[in-house]
Amino acid sequence: MLLSSSAADDISGETVAIKLVTRVFEKVQLAKRALREITLLRHFSNHENITGLIDVDAISRDFNEMYVALFGL
């Protein structure tokens, strides 16, 4: 399951995208997909047409949910 929303960064005032990815480690395929996306976002962080990765955080105790913060468009 994938949910996304936007928010304003308190420090910079910029609009950021927040993406919630659930059941990340339920299947190996889902974990690989999440890792692949994070790797690509880090690799292309300075590309003008691709949004940049700000942070990744797993808040739940079982690491089953992952929040990905991205620069807004």
C-alpha atoms as a PDB file:
ATOM      1  CA  MET A   1       0.000   0.000   0.000  1.00  0.00           C
ATOM      2  CA  LEU A   2       1.258   3.440  -0.874  1.00  0.00           C
ATOM      3  CA  LEU A   3       0.002   6.778   0.412  1.00  0.00           C
ATOM      4  CA  SER A   4       1.410  10.188  -0.372  1.00  0.00           C
ATOM      5  CA  SER A   5       0.745  13.755   0.675  1.00  0.00           C
ATOM      6  CA  SER A   6       2.455  17.105   0.716  1.00  0.00           C
ATOM      7  CA  ALA A   7       3.502  19.316   3.595  1.00  0.00           C
ATOM      8  CA  ALA A   8       5.495  22.469   4.254  1.00  0.00           C
ATOM      9  CA  ASP A   9       8.984  22.119   5.707  1.00  0.00           C
ATOM     10  CA  ASP A  10       9.109  24.083   8.982  1.00  0.00           C
ATOM     11  CA  ILE A  11      12.724  25.121   8.460  1.00  0.00           C
ATOM     12  CA  SER A  12      12.935  26.031   4.777  1.00  0.00           C
ATOM     13  CA  GLY A  13       9.253  26.672   4.054  1.00  0.00           C
ATOM     14  CA  GLU A  14       9.484  24.538   0.917  1.00  0.00           C
ATOM     15  CA  THR A  15       6.749  22.123  -0.068  1.00  0.00           C
ATOM     16  CA  VAL A  16       7.823  18.510   0.370  1.00  0.00           C
ATOM     17  CA  ALA A  17       6.199  15.241  -0.584  1.00  0.00           C
ATOM     18  CA  ILE A  18       5.775  12.567   2.084  1.00  0.00           C
ATOM     19  CA  LYS A  19       5.281   9.022   0.909  1.00  0.00           C
ATOM     20  CA  LEU A  20       4.141   6.244   3.255  1.00  0.00           C
ATOM     21  CA  VAL A  21       5.028   2.742   2.125  1.00  0.00           C
ATOM     22  CA  THR A  22       3.397  -0.014   4.179  1.00  0.00           C
ATOM     23  CA  ARG A  23       4.160  -3.731   4.394  1.00  0.00           C
ATOM     24  CA  VAL A  24       7.704  -3.069   3.198  1.00  0.00           C
ATOM     25  CA  PHE A  25       9.137  -6.310   4.542  1.00  0.00           C
ATOM     26  CA  GLU A  26       6.083  -8.506   4.021  1.00  0.00           C
ATOM     27  CA  LYS A  27       7.589  -9.897   0.819  1.00  0.00           C
ATOM     28  CA  VAL A  28      11.124  -9.834  -0.488  1.00  0.00           C
ATOM     29  CA  GLN A  29       9.874  -8.304  -3.713  1.00  0.00           C
ATOM     30  CA  LEU A  30       8.382  -5.296  -1.868  1.00  0.00           C
ATOM     31  CA  ALA A  31      11.581  -4.710   0.093  1.00  0.00           C
ATOM     32  CA  LYS A  32      13.667  -4.854  -3.086  1.00  0.00           C
ATOM     33  CA  ARG A  33      11.337  -2.400  -4.793  1.00  0.00           C
ATOM     34  CA  ALA A  34      11.604   0.086  -1.913  1.00  0.00           C
ATOM     35  CA  LEU A  35      15.392  -0.241  -1.793  1.00  0.00           C
ATOM     36  CA  ARG A  36      15.630   0.188  -5.563  1.00  0.00           C
ATOM     37  CA  GLU A  37      13.540   3.380  -5.445  1.00  0.00           C
ATOM     38  CA  ILE A  38      15.631   4.865  -2.613  1.00  0.00           C
ATOM     39  CA  THR A  39      18.856   3.973  -4.420  1.00  0.00           C
ATOM     40  CA  LEU A  40      17.697   5.597  -7.652  1.00  0.00           C
ATOM     41  CA  LEU A  41      16.469   8.728  -5.870  1.00  0.00           C
ATOM     42  CA  ARG A  42      19.855   9.087  -4.151  1.00  0.00           C
ATOM     43  CA  HIS A  43      21.732   8.487  -7.404  1.00  0.00           C
ATOM     44  CA  PHE A  44      19.762  11.100  -9.365  1.00  0.00           C
ATOM     45  CA  SER A  45      19.545  13.618  -6.500  1.00  0.00           C
ATOM     46  CA  ASN A  46      21.072  16.466  -8.554  1.00  0.00           C
ATOM     47  CA  HIS A  47      19.057  15.838 -11.712  1.00  0.00           C
ATOM     48  CA  GLU A  48      16.851  18.784 -12.646  1.00  0.00           C
ATOM     49  CA  ASN A  49      13.868  16.636 -13.709  1.00  0.00           C
ATOM     50  CA  ILE A  50      13.809  14.176 -10.797  1.00  0.00           C
ATOM     51  CA  THR A  51      12.693  15.037  -7.284  1.00  0.00           C
ATOM     52  CA  GLY A  52      15.371  14.664  -4.627  1.00  0.00           C
ATOM     53  CA  LEU A  53      15.377  12.420  -1.590  1.00  0.00           C
ATOM     54  CA  ILE A  54      15.388  14.247   1.749  1.00  0.00           C
ATOM     55  CA  ASP A  55      15.016  11.482   4.336  1.00  0.00           C
ATOM     56  CA  VAL A  56      13.785   7.948   4.969  1.00  0.00           C
ATOM     57  CA  ASP A  57      12.366   6.937   8.338  1.00  0.00           C
ATOM     58  CA  ALA A  58      10.817   3.766   9.752  1.00  0.00           C
ATOM     59  CA  ILE A  59       8.690   4.734  12.754  1.00  0.00           C
ATOM     60  CA  SER A  60       6.857   1.521  13.606  1.00  0.00           C
ATOM     61  CA  ARG A  61       8.563  -0.955  15.942  1.00  0.00           C
ATOM     62  CA  ASP A  62       8.439  -3.790  13.418  1.00  0.00           C
ATOM     63  CA  PHE A  63       9.779  -1.591  10.572  1.00  0.00           C
ATOM     64  CA  ASN A  64       6.712  -2.481   8.538  1.00  0.00           C
ATOM     65  CA  GLU A  65       6.018   1.133   7.524  1.00  0.00           C
ATOM     66  CA  MET A  66       8.475   3.464   5.892  1.00  0.00           C
ATOM     67  CA  TYR A  67       8.155   7.199   5.341  1.00  0.00           C
ATOM     68  CA  VAL A  68      10.052   8.745   2.438  1.00  0.00           C
ATOM     69  CA  ALA A  69      10.419  12.545   2.316  1.00  0.00           C
ATOM     70  CA  LEU A  70      11.056  14.083  -1.088  1.00  0.00           C
ATOM     71  CA  PHE A  71      11.601  17.617  -2.347  1.00  0.00           C
ATOM     72  CA  GLY A  72       8.384  19.044  -3.719  1.00  0.00           C
ATOM     73  CA  LEU A  73       7.922  19.816  -7.381  1.00  0.00           C
END
